Protein backbone atom coordinates (compact mmCIF):
# COMPACT_ATOMS: atom_id res chain seq x y z
CA MET A 1 107.63 86.62 97.81
CA SER A 2 107.16 82.75 95.73
CA ALA A 3 106.48 81.32 99.17
CA LEU A 4 103.19 83.63 99.46
CA LEU A 5 102.03 84.69 95.79
CA LYS A 6 100.69 81.35 95.58
CA ASP A 7 97.82 82.51 98.58
CA ARG A 8 98.02 86.15 98.04
CA VAL A 9 98.33 87.36 94.61
CA TRP A 10 95.60 88.34 91.81
CA THR A 11 96.17 86.35 88.50
CA MET A 12 94.11 87.12 86.05
CA LEU A 13 93.14 87.18 81.51
CA SER A 14 90.89 90.49 81.65
CA GLU A 15 91.61 93.42 79.57
CA THR A 16 91.03 95.54 83.73
CA SER A 17 92.13 94.50 86.80
CA LYS A 18 90.36 94.46 89.92
CA LYS A 19 88.79 97.01 91.23
CA GLY A 20 89.88 98.80 87.47
CA VAL A 21 93.48 99.75 89.09
CA TYR A 22 95.85 98.42 86.49
CA PRO A 23 95.81 97.66 82.78
CA LEU A 24 96.38 94.26 81.94
CA HIS A 25 96.08 94.83 78.21
CA GLY A 26 94.77 90.89 77.86
CA ASN A 27 98.30 89.80 79.94
CA LYS A 28 98.14 87.87 82.86
CA LEU A 29 98.75 89.89 85.66
CA GLY A 30 100.23 89.28 89.61
CA LEU A 31 100.30 91.32 92.30
CA TYR A 32 101.11 91.77 95.42
CA ARG A 33 100.58 94.58 98.31
CA ILE A 34 103.28 95.25 100.54
CA PRO A 35 102.14 97.43 104.13
CA ILE A 36 105.12 99.32 104.24
CA GLU A 37 105.87 102.85 103.36
CA ILE A 38 108.34 103.64 100.54
CA THR A 39 107.90 107.67 100.29
CA GLU A 40 111.41 109.88 100.68
CA LYS A 41 113.10 109.83 96.86
CA ALA A 42 116.25 108.11 98.89
CA ASP A 43 114.57 105.08 99.31
CA ILE A 44 113.72 104.69 96.04
CA ALA A 45 117.13 105.86 94.96
CA SER A 46 117.92 103.13 97.38
CA ILE A 47 116.60 99.68 96.35
CA GLN A 48 117.33 100.74 92.75
CA ASN A 49 121.30 100.78 94.16
CA ASP A 50 120.32 97.42 95.85
CA LEU A 51 119.34 95.67 92.73
CA ARG A 52 122.21 97.44 90.20
CA SER A 53 124.36 93.76 91.49
CA SER A 54 121.06 92.07 90.74
CA GLY A 55 121.96 91.94 86.85
CA PHE A 56 118.14 93.76 86.38
CA THR A 57 117.36 96.58 83.27
CA MET A 58 115.87 99.50 85.70
CA GLN A 59 113.72 102.06 84.51
CA THR A 60 111.89 104.91 86.51
CA HIS A 61 108.67 106.89 86.41
CA ALA A 62 107.96 108.75 89.30
CA ASP A 63 107.27 106.86 91.60
CA ARG A 64 107.84 103.52 89.97
CA ILE A 65 110.33 101.18 89.42
CA TYR A 66 110.62 98.54 86.58
CA VAL A 67 112.62 95.68 87.14
CA THR A 68 113.25 93.62 83.62
CA TYR A 69 114.73 90.35 83.62
CA LYS A 70 115.83 88.56 80.27
CA TRP A 71 116.38 84.66 79.38
CA THR A 72 117.36 82.78 76.43
CA GLU A 73 115.27 80.49 75.23
CA LYS A 74 116.50 77.98 72.68
CA GLY A 75 115.27 75.09 70.40
CA THR A 76 114.72 72.87 67.31
CA ASP A 77 112.47 74.11 64.14
CA PRO A 78 110.32 71.00 64.47
CA VAL A 79 110.00 71.47 60.01
CA THR A 80 113.24 72.35 59.10
CA GLY A 81 115.47 71.17 62.69
CA GLU A 82 117.03 74.83 62.56
CA GLU A 83 118.76 75.77 65.69
CA LEU A 84 116.37 78.61 66.89
CA SER A 85 116.65 80.36 70.10
CA ALA A 86 114.62 84.02 71.54
CA GLU A 87 115.26 86.25 74.37
CA PRO A 88 111.80 86.67 76.25
CA ASN A 89 111.65 89.44 79.34
CA ILE A 90 109.89 89.59 82.08
CA THR A 91 109.29 93.21 84.34
CA VAL A 92 108.36 93.68 87.60
CA GLU A 93 107.10 96.73 88.31
CA ILE A 94 107.37 98.58 92.00
CA VAL A 95 104.67 101.41 92.61
CA THR A 96 105.94 103.37 95.98
CA GLY A 97 103.99 105.14 98.34
CA GLU A 98 101.79 105.00 101.68
CA VAL A 99 101.83 100.77 100.89
CA VAL A 100 104.07 99.53 98.20
CA ASP A 101 102.48 97.09 94.92
CA LEU A 102 104.72 94.77 93.60
CA ILE A 103 102.71 94.00 89.99
CA TYR A 104 103.63 91.73 87.30
CA GLN A 105 102.88 91.21 83.28
CA ILE A 106 103.23 88.11 81.79
CA ARG A 107 103.11 89.14 77.84
CA GLN A 108 101.37 86.90 75.29
CA LEU A 109 104.31 85.23 73.40
CA GLU A 110 103.75 86.42 70.18
CA TYR A 111 104.95 89.95 71.64
CA PHE A 112 108.96 88.31 70.87
CA GLY A 113 108.13 87.41 68.18
CA ASP A 114 106.73 84.32 66.70
CA PRO A 115 108.99 81.45 68.54
CA TYR A 116 105.83 79.13 68.68
CA TRP A 117 108.58 76.38 69.25
CA ILE A 118 108.94 77.41 73.36
CA ARG A 119 107.62 75.38 75.56
CA ASN A 120 106.08 76.16 79.06
CA TYR A 121 106.40 79.76 77.89
CA ARG A 122 103.84 81.04 81.52
CA GLN A 123 105.04 78.81 83.81
CA THR A 124 108.64 79.90 83.40
CA ALA A 125 107.60 83.74 83.05
CA ASP A 126 106.08 83.10 86.28
CA ARG A 127 108.70 81.61 88.05
CA HIS A 128 111.62 84.36 86.72
CA ALA A 129 108.88 87.24 87.95
CA LYS A 130 108.67 85.59 91.27
CA MET A 131 112.63 85.39 91.39
CA VAL A 132 112.56 89.43 90.63
CA ILE A 133 109.55 89.67 93.16
CA ASP A 134 111.92 87.87 96.08
CA THR A 135 115.96 89.13 95.20
CA ILE A 136 113.70 92.72 95.26
CA ILE A 137 112.21 92.25 98.71
CA ARG A 138 115.47 90.39 100.41
CA ASN A 139 117.73 92.56 99.11
CA THR A 140 116.77 96.47 99.56
CA LYS A 141 115.28 98.79 101.93
CA ILE A 142 111.80 96.77 101.73
CA GLY A 143 112.86 93.88 103.40
CA ASP A 144 114.20 96.07 106.12
CA LYS A 145 110.72 97.19 106.35
CA MET A 146 108.98 94.24 105.92
CA ILE A 147 111.26 93.31 108.98
CA ALA A 148 110.08 95.96 111.33
CA GLN A 149 106.52 95.50 110.12
CA TYR A 150 107.08 91.43 110.86
CA GLN A 151 108.34 92.66 114.26
CA LYS A 152 105.45 95.37 114.73
CA ALA A 153 102.37 93.17 113.33
CA GLU A 154 102.97 89.86 114.51
CA LYS A 155 105.44 90.35 117.50
CA LEU A 156 108.13 88.23 116.68
CA THR A 157 111.74 88.65 117.53
CA LEU A 158 114.13 90.48 115.10
CA GLU A 159 116.29 86.82 114.72
CA GLN A 160 112.45 85.37 114.03
CA ALA A 161 111.80 88.60 111.26
CA ILE A 162 114.69 88.22 109.84
CA LYS A 163 114.20 84.72 109.18
CA LYS A 164 110.82 84.83 108.33
CA LEU A 165 111.63 86.96 106.03
CA GLU A 166 114.43 84.76 103.86
CA GLU A 167 111.22 81.52 104.34
CA ASN A 168 109.50 84.02 102.17
CA THR A 169 111.74 85.12 99.48
CA PRO A 170 113.66 81.71 98.66
CA LEU A 171 114.32 82.35 95.39
CA ALA A 172 116.51 85.59 95.98
CA LEU A 173 119.59 86.37 93.71
CA LYS A 174 122.62 86.52 96.01
CA PRO A 175 120.82 86.92 98.86
CA LYS A 176 121.39 89.73 101.64
CA ALA A 177 122.67 88.43 105.04
CA ARG A 178 121.01 90.51 107.67
CA SER A 179 122.21 89.88 111.63
CA ALA A 180 120.35 89.63 114.17
CA THR A 181 122.44 91.14 116.34
CA ALA A 182 121.69 95.04 115.64
CA PRO A 183 117.94 96.20 114.37
CA PRO A 184 117.39 96.79 110.34
CA PRO A 185 117.42 100.22 109.73
CA ALA A 186 113.56 100.47 108.73
CA GLN A 187 113.09 100.22 112.29
CA ALA A 188 114.80 104.21 112.58
CA ALA A 189 112.27 105.59 110.08
CA ALA A 190 110.56 108.46 111.72
CA ALA A 191 107.04 107.37 113.22
CA PRO A 192 104.17 107.83 110.50
CA LYS A 193 102.09 110.77 110.18
CA PRO A 194 98.80 110.94 112.41
CA ALA A 195 95.33 110.27 110.70
CA PRO A 196 93.44 112.81 109.69
CA ALA A 197 90.18 112.91 111.09
CA MET A 198 86.82 110.90 109.04
CA ALA A 199 85.25 113.63 106.54
CA ALA A 200 81.60 112.31 108.01
CA PRO A 201 80.84 113.56 111.30
CA GLN A 202 80.35 111.11 114.00
CA ALA A 203 77.61 110.72 116.67
CA PRO A 204 78.74 111.13 120.02
CA ALA A 205 79.51 107.59 122.27
CA ALA A 206 76.54 106.87 124.29
CA GLY A 207 77.36 107.51 128.10
CA GLY A 208 81.54 108.09 126.62
CA GLY A 209 84.22 105.36 127.98
CA ASP A 210 86.01 103.04 126.26
CA THR A 211 83.51 100.25 126.72
CA THR A 212 79.82 101.33 126.74
CA VAL A 213 77.87 98.87 124.95
CA SER A 214 77.95 94.71 126.36
CA LEU A 215 77.30 91.48 124.53
CA SER A 216 74.68 89.76 126.68
CA GLY A 217 71.86 91.44 126.77
CA SER A 218 67.68 89.93 126.44
CA GLY A 219 67.99 90.41 122.79
CA THR A 220 67.34 87.04 121.55
CA SER A 221 64.63 87.08 119.45
CA TYR A 222 66.07 88.29 116.14
CA SER A 223 66.97 86.52 113.04
CA LYS A 224 70.25 86.05 110.19
CA VAL A 225 70.73 89.45 108.61
CA GLU A 226 71.05 88.81 104.77
CA GLY A 227 74.56 90.99 103.25
CA PRO A 228 75.44 92.91 101.56
CA ILE A 229 76.17 95.44 104.37
CA ASP A 230 73.97 99.25 103.99
CA VAL A 231 77.41 101.44 103.05
CA LYS A 232 75.38 104.38 103.40
CA PHE A 233 74.78 103.11 107.31
CA LYS A 234 76.37 106.26 108.79
CA GLU A 235 73.59 108.65 107.13
CA LYS A 236 71.14 105.94 108.87
CA ARG A 237 72.02 105.16 112.40
CA GLN A 238 73.54 106.34 115.13
CA GLN A 239 76.03 105.11 117.43
CA ALA A 240 75.04 102.66 120.12
CA GLY A 241 78.07 103.32 121.93
CA LYS A 242 81.53 101.93 121.94
CA PHE A 243 83.92 98.15 122.62
CA LYS A 244 87.02 98.31 123.37
CA GLY A 245 87.51 101.22 121.57
CA ILE A 246 85.91 100.53 118.46
CA ALA A 247 82.36 102.48 117.24
CA VAL A 248 79.06 100.58 117.53
CA TRP A 249 76.54 101.64 115.50
CA GLY A 250 72.58 100.30 116.20
CA PRO A 251 69.59 99.25 116.60
CA TYR A 252 71.73 97.55 119.27
CA ASP A 253 70.04 94.97 121.33
CA ALA A 254 72.49 91.63 122.09
CA PRO A 255 72.95 89.27 122.13
CA GLY A 256 71.08 88.88 119.08
CA GLN A 257 71.22 92.01 117.54
CA LEU A 258 75.02 92.87 117.67
CA GLY A 259 74.60 96.08 114.77
CA ILE A 260 77.36 97.74 112.70
CA TRP A 261 80.89 97.80 114.09
CA GLY A 262 84.03 100.07 112.83
CA THR A 263 84.08 103.74 111.37
CA ASN A 264 86.95 103.19 108.74
CA VAL A 265 86.91 99.44 109.25
CA CYS A 266 83.15 98.34 109.39
CA VAL A 267 81.86 94.99 109.64
CA ASP A 268 78.04 94.43 109.84
CA PHE A 269 78.18 91.73 112.84
CA ASP A 270 74.35 91.30 112.15
CA ILE A 271 75.24 89.73 108.33
CA CYS A 272 79.05 88.00 109.75
CA VAL A 273 79.13 84.36 109.37
CA ALA A 274 82.34 83.86 111.09
CA ASP A 275 83.75 82.00 108.24
CA GLY A 276 87.34 83.70 108.71
CA ALA A 277 88.41 85.39 105.06
CA CYS A 278 88.67 89.05 106.52
CA ILE A 279 91.49 87.33 109.22
CA GLU A 280 93.13 85.46 106.91
CA ALA A 281 93.56 87.94 104.00
CA CYS A 282 94.51 90.60 106.21
CA PRO A 283 98.18 91.14 105.74
CA VAL A 284 98.33 93.60 108.27
CA ASN A 285 96.54 91.93 111.16
CA VAL A 286 93.87 93.78 112.00
CA TYR A 287 91.11 91.82 112.98
CA GLU A 288 90.92 88.81 116.14
CA TRP A 289 87.60 86.87 117.10
CA LEU A 290 85.27 88.50 119.09
CA GLU A 291 82.73 85.50 121.52
CA THR A 292 79.58 86.64 120.66
CA PRO A 293 76.98 83.89 122.39
CA GLY A 294 73.65 83.33 120.80
CA HIS A 295 73.72 85.63 118.50
CA PRO A 296 71.76 84.10 115.35
CA ALA A 297 74.39 84.22 112.42
CA SER A 298 77.55 83.31 114.37
CA GLU A 299 78.81 83.10 117.80
CA LYS A 300 81.52 84.12 117.11
CA LYS A 301 83.13 87.51 115.17
CA ALA A 302 85.29 89.37 113.47
CA PHE A 303 86.32 91.76 115.24
CA MET A 304 88.69 95.25 114.48
CA ALA A 305 90.82 95.15 117.28
CA ARG A 306 93.61 96.70 115.68
CA GLU A 307 92.08 99.13 113.33
CA LYS A 308 93.80 102.13 113.19
CA ASP A 309 96.46 100.01 111.40
CA CYS A 310 94.79 99.63 108.81
CA ILE A 311 95.92 99.87 104.90
CA PHE A 312 92.93 100.12 103.18
CA CYS A 313 93.67 97.01 100.13
CA LEU A 314 90.35 96.13 100.43
CA ALA A 315 91.20 92.53 100.93
CA CYS A 316 89.30 91.52 103.44
CA GLU A 317 86.00 93.57 101.16
CA ASN A 318 86.80 91.67 98.51
CA VAL A 319 86.82 88.16 100.02
CA CYS A 320 83.49 88.19 102.54
CA PRO A 321 81.35 85.67 101.47
CA PRO A 322 78.26 87.10 103.10
CA GLN A 323 79.51 91.17 101.86
CA ALA A 324 78.88 92.39 105.63
CA ILE A 325 82.21 94.11 104.98
CA LYS A 326 83.10 98.09 104.65
CA ILE A 327 86.09 99.99 104.36
CA PHE A 328 86.16 103.37 104.33
CA GLN A 329 89.61 105.16 103.46
CA LYS A 330 90.78 108.10 105.33
CA SER A 331 89.75 111.77 104.30
């Protein structure tokens, strides 16, 4: 999505990308993770069919679709004056599953022979990759599901969600027109399967109920705690209670000591400094601000109000400056 990639894409020149998931082999890589599910074979086939008219070359392997765009570069040999041409290409990989990853790799220029005379190759390849991504999203079932996701996560009307999709994919070739008079096909999809229970046993919440802890109290003689969060806290701590259904792990002595909050999306409130990076990074709006007056680290915290919507992309965990966040994937 060209309008979002500038903010959300990881680009790097290294042998292995973040978390060691995607090998780069020295190429530049861009990665965008979309919080929608594409798992049915019929959906994967429909994406291919929708892209055939765009002039791309496509290949498939298991749950992946490789979409390649080729262009022609022309120039003149600076020594001989001979007219030269080359045909570089860029491939975008669609990785389907419970979330969808769109990945592109910009190969070294030498891969296409010895076109030393080409100027601004990386910028051109990057622009073409974003065009391919915009086309994939705008013209396929991925776009339909993104519209439904916008409506759910951001409480948009159908018309507003369609407009947002169009604004985020300005480079799409032969852009598909969508009508706001009828819901997109993605809204008729089956309800998601219930999440399995956590493997680690949970201590019962003290007192039961939806909210059993208070943000006010007499605990004022505490100092800010330095990160990172203790990733083994579930083995060492007991639940002190719940706040709006979210587990709170002690020790807890409000307002100065608030413990660690969450079951899968876990934030150490005693480390959190309210910089807001996690709220900005989360693609599905798991977090919202919670006022915590009197806490020594910050007087508001990133509260995982929609913890069940987490897609485990780890964006929040990776961007948190004091390392106050730990994401536990459901087993």
